[in-house]
Amino acid sequence: MAEPAHMIIPLLKEMRAEIGGRFDGVDGRLERIEQRIQKLKEVRVSFRQALAGDSLKSKLLAGEFEERIEAIEQRLRELEEQK
């Protein structure tokens, strides 16, 4: 029968290899999660830019509409004054 001291070293090496393999798996999963998070951040930035663009466009359109209304009101006042 082998001595216990001679059995411990191979067992420890086997355990170390198994633990190392598990860490490699965890590292791979963490890398994939980090990639997904980065993609979500990029999508969020893109979405915010799109919202800002839409908001600006709406403000411009509303501003143009108000200017047109003001011009019509001014013209109406002028016409009323002529009568």
C-alpha atoms as a PDB file:
ATOM      1  CA  MET A   1       0.000   0.000   0.000  1.00  0.00           C
ATOM      2  CA  ALA A   2       1.239   3.489  -0.851  1.00  0.00           C
ATOM      3  CA  GLU A   3       2.162   5.794   1.921  1.00  0.00           C
ATOM      4  CA  PRO A   4      -0.326   8.599   2.688  1.00  0.00           C
ATOM      5  CA  ALA A   5       2.316  11.271   2.059  1.00  0.00           C
ATOM      6  CA  HIS A   6       2.781   9.973  -1.505  1.00  0.00           C
ATOM      7  CA  MET A   7      -0.987  10.034  -2.117  1.00  0.00           C
ATOM      8  CA  ILE A   8      -1.526  13.601  -0.958  1.00  0.00           C
ATOM      9  CA  ILE A   9       0.606  15.329  -3.600  1.00  0.00           C
ATOM     10  CA  PRO A  10      -1.177  13.750  -6.599  1.00  0.00           C
ATOM     11  CA  LEU A  11      -4.562  14.492  -5.010  1.00  0.00           C
ATOM     12  CA  LEU A  12      -3.592  18.112  -4.429  1.00  0.00           C
ATOM     13  CA  LYS A  13      -2.403  18.420  -8.038  1.00  0.00           C
ATOM     14  CA  GLU A  14      -5.673  16.941  -9.265  1.00  0.00           C
ATOM     15  CA  MET A  15      -7.680  19.330  -7.089  1.00  0.00           C
ATOM     16  CA  ARG A  16      -5.631  22.289  -8.308  1.00  0.00           C
ATOM     17  CA  ALA A  17      -6.244  21.328 -11.943  1.00  0.00           C
ATOM     18  CA  GLU A  18      -9.981  20.939 -11.337  1.00  0.00           C
ATOM     19  CA  ILE A  19     -10.225  24.281  -9.550  1.00  0.00           C
ATOM     20  CA  GLY A  20      -8.196  25.941 -12.316  1.00  0.00           C
ATOM     21  CA  GLY A  21     -10.606  24.558 -14.908  1.00  0.00           C
ATOM     22  CA  ARG A  22     -13.555  25.932 -13.000  1.00  0.00           C
ATOM     23  CA  PHE A  23     -11.933  29.356 -12.766  1.00  0.00           C
ATOM     24  CA  ASP A  24     -11.401  29.309 -16.524  1.00  0.00           C
ATOM     25  CA  GLY A  25     -15.123  28.636 -16.970  1.00  0.00           C
ATOM     26  CA  VAL A  26     -16.048  31.452 -14.606  1.00  0.00           C
ATOM     27  CA  ASP A  27     -13.651  33.816 -16.394  1.00  0.00           C
ATOM     28  CA  GLY A  28     -15.295  32.969 -19.718  1.00  0.00           C
ATOM     29  CA  ARG A  29     -18.762  33.636 -18.351  1.00  0.00           C
ATOM     30  CA  LEU A  30     -17.667  36.927 -16.802  1.00  0.00           C
ATOM     31  CA  GLU A  31     -16.180  38.004 -20.127  1.00  0.00           C
ATOM     32  CA  ARG A  32     -19.463  37.260 -21.915  1.00  0.00           C
ATOM     33  CA  ILE A  33     -21.408  39.164 -19.247  1.00  0.00           C
ATOM     34  CA  GLU A  34     -19.075  42.156 -19.577  1.00  0.00           C
ATOM     35  CA  GLN A  35     -19.573  42.119 -23.357  1.00  0.00           C
ATOM     36  CA  ARG A  36     -23.354  42.095 -22.902  1.00  0.00           C
ATOM     37  CA  ILE A  37     -23.138  44.986 -20.445  1.00  0.00           C
ATOM     38  CA  GLN A  38     -21.009  46.954 -22.918  1.00  0.00           C
ATOM     39  CA  LYS A  39     -23.562  46.340 -25.686  1.00  0.00           C
ATOM     40  CA  LEU A  40     -26.357  47.519 -23.383  1.00  0.00           C
ATOM     41  CA  LYS A  41     -24.403  50.682 -22.590  1.00  0.00           C
ATOM     42  CA  GLU A  42     -23.943  51.355 -26.306  1.00  0.00           C
ATOM     43  CA  VAL A  43     -27.647  50.821 -26.949  1.00  0.00           C
ATOM     44  CA  ARG A  44     -28.510  53.151 -24.071  1.00  0.00           C
ATOM     45  CA  VAL A  45     -26.272  55.898 -25.467  1.00  0.00           C
ATOM     46  CA  SER A  46     -27.789  55.445 -28.922  1.00  0.00           C
ATOM     47  CA  PHE A  47     -31.304  55.554 -27.467  1.00  0.00           C
ATOM     48  CA  ARG A  48     -30.551  58.735 -25.516  1.00  0.00           C
ATOM     49  CA  GLN A  49     -29.169  60.384 -28.629  1.00  0.00           C
ATOM     50  CA  ALA A  50     -32.283  59.422 -30.574  1.00  0.00           C
ATOM     51  CA  LEU A  51     -34.507  60.839 -27.822  1.00  0.00           C
ATOM     52  CA  ALA A  52     -32.516  64.055 -27.735  1.00  0.00           C
ATOM     53  CA  GLY A  53     -32.837  64.357 -31.511  1.00  0.00           C
ATOM     54  CA  ASP A  54     -36.578  63.775 -31.398  1.00  0.00           C
ATOM     55  CA  SER A  55     -36.960  66.292 -28.591  1.00  0.00           C
ATOM     56  CA  LEU A  56     -35.005  68.912 -30.509  1.00  0.00           C
ATOM     57  CA  LYS A  57     -37.011  68.250 -33.658  1.00  0.00           C
ATOM     58  CA  SER A  58     -40.272  68.611 -31.712  1.00  0.00           C
ATOM     59  CA  LYS A  59     -39.108  71.890 -30.193  1.00  0.00           C
ATOM     60  CA  LEU A  60     -38.152  73.235 -33.603  1.00  0.00           C
ATOM     61  CA  LEU A  61     -41.483  72.246 -35.102  1.00  0.00           C
ATOM     62  CA  ALA A  62     -43.381  73.724 -32.168  1.00  0.00           C
ATOM     63  CA  GLY A  63     -41.346  76.916 -32.459  1.00  0.00           C
ATOM     64  CA  GLU A  64     -42.101  77.205 -36.164  1.00  0.00           C
ATOM     65  CA  PHE A  65     -45.782  76.597 -35.473  1.00  0.00           C
ATOM     66  CA  GLU A  66     -45.830  79.330 -32.822  1.00  0.00           C
ATOM     67  CA  GLU A  67     -44.119  81.749 -35.204  1.00  0.00           C
ATOM     68  CA  ARG A  68     -46.720  81.017 -37.859  1.00  0.00           C
ATOM     69  CA  ILE A  69     -49.558  81.551 -35.367  1.00  0.00           C
ATOM     70  CA  GLU A  70     -48.008  84.843 -34.245  1.00  0.00           C
ATOM     71  CA  ALA A  71     -47.696  85.980 -37.874  1.00  0.00           C
ATOM     72  CA  ILE A  72     -51.351  85.112 -38.520  1.00  0.00           C
ATOM     73  CA  GLU A  73     -52.426  86.947 -35.361  1.00  0.00           C
ATOM     74  CA  GLN A  74     -50.393  89.995 -36.382  1.00  0.00           C
ATOM     75  CA  ARG A  75     -51.922  89.970 -39.851  1.00  0.00           C
ATOM     76  CA  LEU A  76     -55.406  89.649 -38.322  1.00  0.00           C
ATOM     77  CA  ARG A  77     -54.751  92.666 -36.068  1.00  0.00           C
ATOM     78  CA  GLU A  78     -53.575  94.662 -39.066  1.00  0.00           C
ATOM     79  CA  LEU A  79     -56.693  93.723 -41.026  1.00  0.00           C
ATOM     80  CA  GLU A  80     -58.948  94.638 -38.096  1.00  0.00           C
ATOM     81  CA  GLU A  81     -57.218  98.007 -37.741  1.00  0.00           C
ATOM     82  CA  GLN A  82     -57.806  98.774 -41.423  1.00  0.00           C
ATOM     83  CA  LYS A  83     -61.580  98.443 -41.025  1.00  0.00           C
END
